[in-house]
N, C-alpha and C. Protein backbone atom coordinates (compact mmCIF):
# COMPACT_ATOMS: atom_id res chain seq x y z
N UNK A 1 -15.97 1.16 15.78
CA UNK A 1 -14.80 1.47 14.97
C UNK A 1 -14.16 0.15 14.56
N UNK A 2 -13.93 0.00 13.28
CA UNK A 2 -13.26 -1.18 12.73
C UNK A 2 -11.87 -0.73 12.27
N UNK A 3 -10.82 -1.41 12.72
CA UNK A 3 -9.44 -1.05 12.39
C UNK A 3 -8.81 -2.14 11.53
N UNK A 4 -7.86 -1.73 10.68
CA UNK A 4 -7.13 -2.71 9.88
C UNK A 4 -5.70 -2.23 9.64
N UNK A 5 -4.82 -3.19 9.38
CA UNK A 5 -3.42 -2.90 9.08
C UNK A 5 -2.86 -4.06 8.27
N UNK A 6 -1.91 -3.76 7.40
CA UNK A 6 -1.22 -4.82 6.69
C UNK A 6 0.17 -4.38 6.28
N UNK A 7 1.01 -5.36 6.00
CA UNK A 7 2.37 -5.11 5.55
C UNK A 7 2.73 -6.18 4.53
N UNK A 8 3.48 -5.79 3.51
CA UNK A 8 3.88 -6.73 2.47
C UNK A 8 5.29 -6.37 2.00
N UNK A 9 6.10 -7.40 1.80
CA UNK A 9 7.44 -7.22 1.23
C UNK A 9 7.62 -8.23 0.11
N UNK A 10 8.19 -7.80 -1.00
CA UNK A 10 8.50 -8.73 -2.08
C UNK A 10 9.85 -8.38 -2.68
N UNK A 11 10.50 -9.39 -3.22
CA UNK A 11 11.80 -9.21 -3.84
C UNK A 11 11.82 -10.00 -5.14
N UNK A 12 12.23 -9.35 -6.22
CA UNK A 12 12.29 -9.99 -7.53
C UNK A 12 13.72 -9.95 -8.05
N UNK A 13 14.23 -11.12 -8.46
CA UNK A 13 15.54 -11.23 -9.10
C UNK A 13 15.28 -11.72 -10.52
N UNK A 14 15.55 -10.90 -11.50
CA UNK A 14 15.24 -11.21 -12.89
C UNK A 14 16.33 -12.09 -13.50
N UNK A 15 15.93 -13.12 -14.22
CA UNK A 15 16.86 -14.02 -14.88
C UNK A 15 17.27 -13.44 -16.23
N UNK A 16 18.56 -13.49 -16.52
CA UNK A 16 19.06 -13.00 -17.80
C UNK A 16 19.20 -11.49 -17.88
N UNK A 17 18.86 -10.78 -16.80
CA UNK A 17 18.94 -9.32 -16.75
C UNK A 17 19.57 -8.95 -15.42
N UNK A 18 20.46 -7.98 -15.43
CA UNK A 18 21.09 -7.52 -14.19
C UNK A 18 20.16 -6.53 -13.50
N UNK A 19 19.16 -7.10 -12.78
CA UNK A 19 18.20 -6.25 -12.08
C UNK A 19 17.58 -7.01 -10.91
N UNK A 20 17.51 -6.36 -9.76
CA UNK A 20 16.83 -6.87 -8.57
C UNK A 20 15.94 -5.76 -8.02
N UNK A 21 14.69 -6.08 -7.76
CA UNK A 21 13.74 -5.11 -7.21
C UNK A 21 13.27 -5.56 -5.83
N UNK A 22 13.21 -4.64 -4.91
CA UNK A 22 12.62 -4.87 -3.59
C UNK A 22 11.47 -3.90 -3.41
N UNK A 23 10.34 -4.42 -2.89
CA UNK A 23 9.16 -3.59 -2.66
C UNK A 23 8.67 -3.77 -1.23
N UNK A 24 8.30 -2.67 -0.61
CA UNK A 24 7.73 -2.67 0.73
C UNK A 24 6.47 -1.83 0.71
N UNK A 25 5.40 -2.39 1.25
CA UNK A 25 4.14 -1.66 1.33
C UNK A 25 3.49 -1.93 2.68
N UNK A 26 3.01 -0.88 3.31
CA UNK A 26 2.24 -1.05 4.54
C UNK A 26 1.14 -0.01 4.61
N UNK A 27 0.08 -0.36 5.33
CA UNK A 27 -1.04 0.56 5.46
C UNK A 27 -1.76 0.35 6.79
N UNK A 28 -2.42 1.39 7.23
CA UNK A 28 -3.28 1.35 8.41
C UNK A 28 -4.55 2.12 8.08
N UNK A 29 -5.63 1.71 8.69
CA UNK A 29 -6.87 2.40 8.42
C UNK A 29 -7.96 2.00 9.39
N UNK A 30 -9.08 2.64 9.22
CA UNK A 30 -10.22 2.33 10.07
C UNK A 30 -11.51 2.83 9.45
N UNK A 31 -12.60 2.24 9.91
CA UNK A 31 -13.94 2.64 9.49
C UNK A 31 -14.76 2.97 10.71
N UNK A 32 -15.33 4.16 10.72
CA UNK A 32 -16.21 4.58 11.79
C UNK A 32 -17.64 4.51 11.26
N UNK A 33 -18.48 3.74 11.93
CA UNK A 33 -19.87 3.60 11.50
C UNK A 33 -20.69 4.76 12.06
N UNK A 34 -21.18 5.61 11.16
CA UNK A 34 -21.99 6.76 11.56
C UNK A 34 -23.38 6.30 12.02
N UNK A 35 -23.89 5.27 11.36
CA UNK A 35 -25.13 4.61 11.76
C UNK A 35 -25.08 3.19 11.19
N UNK A 36 -26.19 2.47 11.15
CA UNK A 36 -26.17 1.08 10.70
C UNK A 36 -25.89 0.93 9.21
N UNK A 37 -26.08 1.99 8.44
CA UNK A 37 -25.95 1.89 6.99
C UNK A 37 -24.82 2.72 6.39
N UNK A 38 -24.28 3.66 7.13
CA UNK A 38 -23.28 4.58 6.58
C UNK A 38 -22.05 4.61 7.49
N UNK A 39 -20.89 4.59 6.86
CA UNK A 39 -19.63 4.67 7.59
C UNK A 39 -18.65 5.57 6.88
N UNK A 40 -17.60 5.95 7.57
CA UNK A 40 -16.53 6.77 7.03
C UNK A 40 -15.22 6.01 7.22
N UNK A 41 -14.54 5.73 6.11
CA UNK A 41 -13.27 5.00 6.16
C UNK A 41 -12.11 5.95 5.87
N UNK A 42 -11.02 5.79 6.61
CA UNK A 42 -9.79 6.55 6.40
C UNK A 42 -8.65 5.54 6.37
N UNK A 43 -7.74 5.71 5.40
CA UNK A 43 -6.62 4.81 5.25
C UNK A 43 -5.37 5.58 4.85
N UNK A 44 -4.23 5.20 5.42
CA UNK A 44 -2.93 5.77 5.05
C UNK A 44 -2.04 4.62 4.62
N UNK A 45 -1.35 4.79 3.47
CA UNK A 45 -0.48 3.73 2.98
C UNK A 45 0.84 4.31 2.50
N UNK A 46 1.85 3.43 2.53
CA UNK A 46 3.20 3.79 2.09
C UNK A 46 3.71 2.65 1.21
N UNK A 47 4.26 2.98 0.04
CA UNK A 47 4.82 2.00 -0.88
C UNK A 47 6.17 2.51 -1.34
N UNK A 48 7.18 1.64 -1.30
CA UNK A 48 8.48 2.03 -1.82
C UNK A 48 9.08 0.88 -2.61
N UNK A 49 9.78 1.25 -3.68
CA UNK A 49 10.47 0.26 -4.51
C UNK A 49 11.90 0.73 -4.72
N UNK A 50 12.82 -0.19 -4.53
CA UNK A 50 14.22 0.07 -4.86
C UNK A 50 14.66 -0.96 -5.88
N UNK A 51 15.44 -0.51 -6.84
CA UNK A 51 15.87 -1.35 -7.94
C UNK A 51 17.38 -1.25 -8.07
N UNK A 52 18.04 -2.41 -8.16
CA UNK A 52 19.51 -2.46 -8.28
C UNK A 52 19.90 -3.17 -9.56
N UNK A 53 21.10 -2.90 -10.04
CA UNK A 53 21.63 -3.55 -11.22
C UNK A 53 21.73 -2.60 -12.39
N UNK A 54 22.39 -3.06 -13.44
CA UNK A 54 22.60 -2.23 -14.63
C UNK A 54 21.26 -1.88 -15.27
N UNK A 55 20.32 -2.83 -15.31
CA UNK A 55 19.01 -2.59 -15.94
C UNK A 55 17.97 -2.13 -14.92
N UNK A 56 18.42 -1.73 -13.73
CA UNK A 56 17.49 -1.33 -12.68
C UNK A 56 16.75 -0.05 -13.02
N UNK A 57 15.53 0.02 -12.57
CA UNK A 57 14.73 1.21 -12.76
C UNK A 57 14.99 2.23 -11.66
N UNK A 58 14.27 3.31 -11.70
CA UNK A 58 14.41 4.36 -10.70
C UNK A 58 13.73 3.93 -9.39
N UNK A 59 14.35 4.28 -8.27
CA UNK A 59 13.73 4.06 -6.97
C UNK A 59 12.60 5.08 -6.79
N UNK A 60 11.53 4.67 -6.12
CA UNK A 60 10.45 5.61 -5.88
C UNK A 60 9.66 5.24 -4.65
N UNK A 61 8.92 6.23 -4.15
CA UNK A 61 8.09 6.08 -2.96
C UNK A 61 6.74 6.73 -3.24
N UNK A 62 5.66 6.10 -2.76
CA UNK A 62 4.31 6.64 -2.90
C UNK A 62 3.66 6.64 -1.52
N UNK A 63 3.20 7.79 -1.07
CA UNK A 63 2.44 7.91 0.16
C UNK A 63 1.02 8.33 -0.22
N UNK A 64 0.03 7.68 0.40
CA UNK A 64 -1.35 7.94 0.01
C UNK A 64 -2.23 8.01 1.26
N UNK A 65 -3.12 8.98 1.27
CA UNK A 65 -4.14 9.11 2.31
C UNK A 65 -5.50 9.15 1.61
N UNK A 66 -6.39 8.24 1.98
CA UNK A 66 -7.70 8.20 1.34
C UNK A 66 -8.81 8.26 2.40
N UNK A 67 -9.91 8.88 2.01
CA UNK A 67 -11.10 8.94 2.84
C UNK A 67 -12.28 8.53 1.96
N UNK A 68 -13.11 7.61 2.47
CA UNK A 68 -14.20 7.06 1.67
C UNK A 68 -15.48 7.03 2.50
N UNK A 69 -16.56 7.42 1.87
CA UNK A 69 -17.88 7.28 2.48
C UNK A 69 -18.43 5.92 2.06
N UNK A 70 -18.82 5.09 3.03
CA UNK A 70 -19.25 3.73 2.78
C UNK A 70 -20.75 3.61 3.10
N UNK A 71 -21.50 3.03 2.15
CA UNK A 71 -22.92 2.78 2.37
C UNK A 71 -23.19 1.29 2.19
N UNK A 72 -23.96 0.71 3.09
CA UNK A 72 -24.32 -0.70 2.97
C UNK A 72 -25.83 -0.84 3.11
N UNK A 73 -26.37 -1.77 2.34
CA UNK A 73 -27.82 -1.94 2.30
C UNK A 73 -28.19 -3.35 2.65
C-alpha cells in the first residue's frame, strides 16, 4: 500500500482592485497494488476559496472522491 497526502494554502491580494482571495486545498489517498502490474488508487480532496472585497467573487467549496485503476508495464 502506497499512501500520500498534501496540503496547500495560497492568498492573493489584487493591485488596483478591492479583492483578496484565500484558497485552501488538501488531499489524502493511497494505491493498493493488486499485483506487480495493476493497482487501485483512491483519493479524497477538499478545495475551498473565499473572496473578500467589493470586486470579490463568490465563496465556494469542492469535495472530490476519485478511484482509478492503474496499470504499469
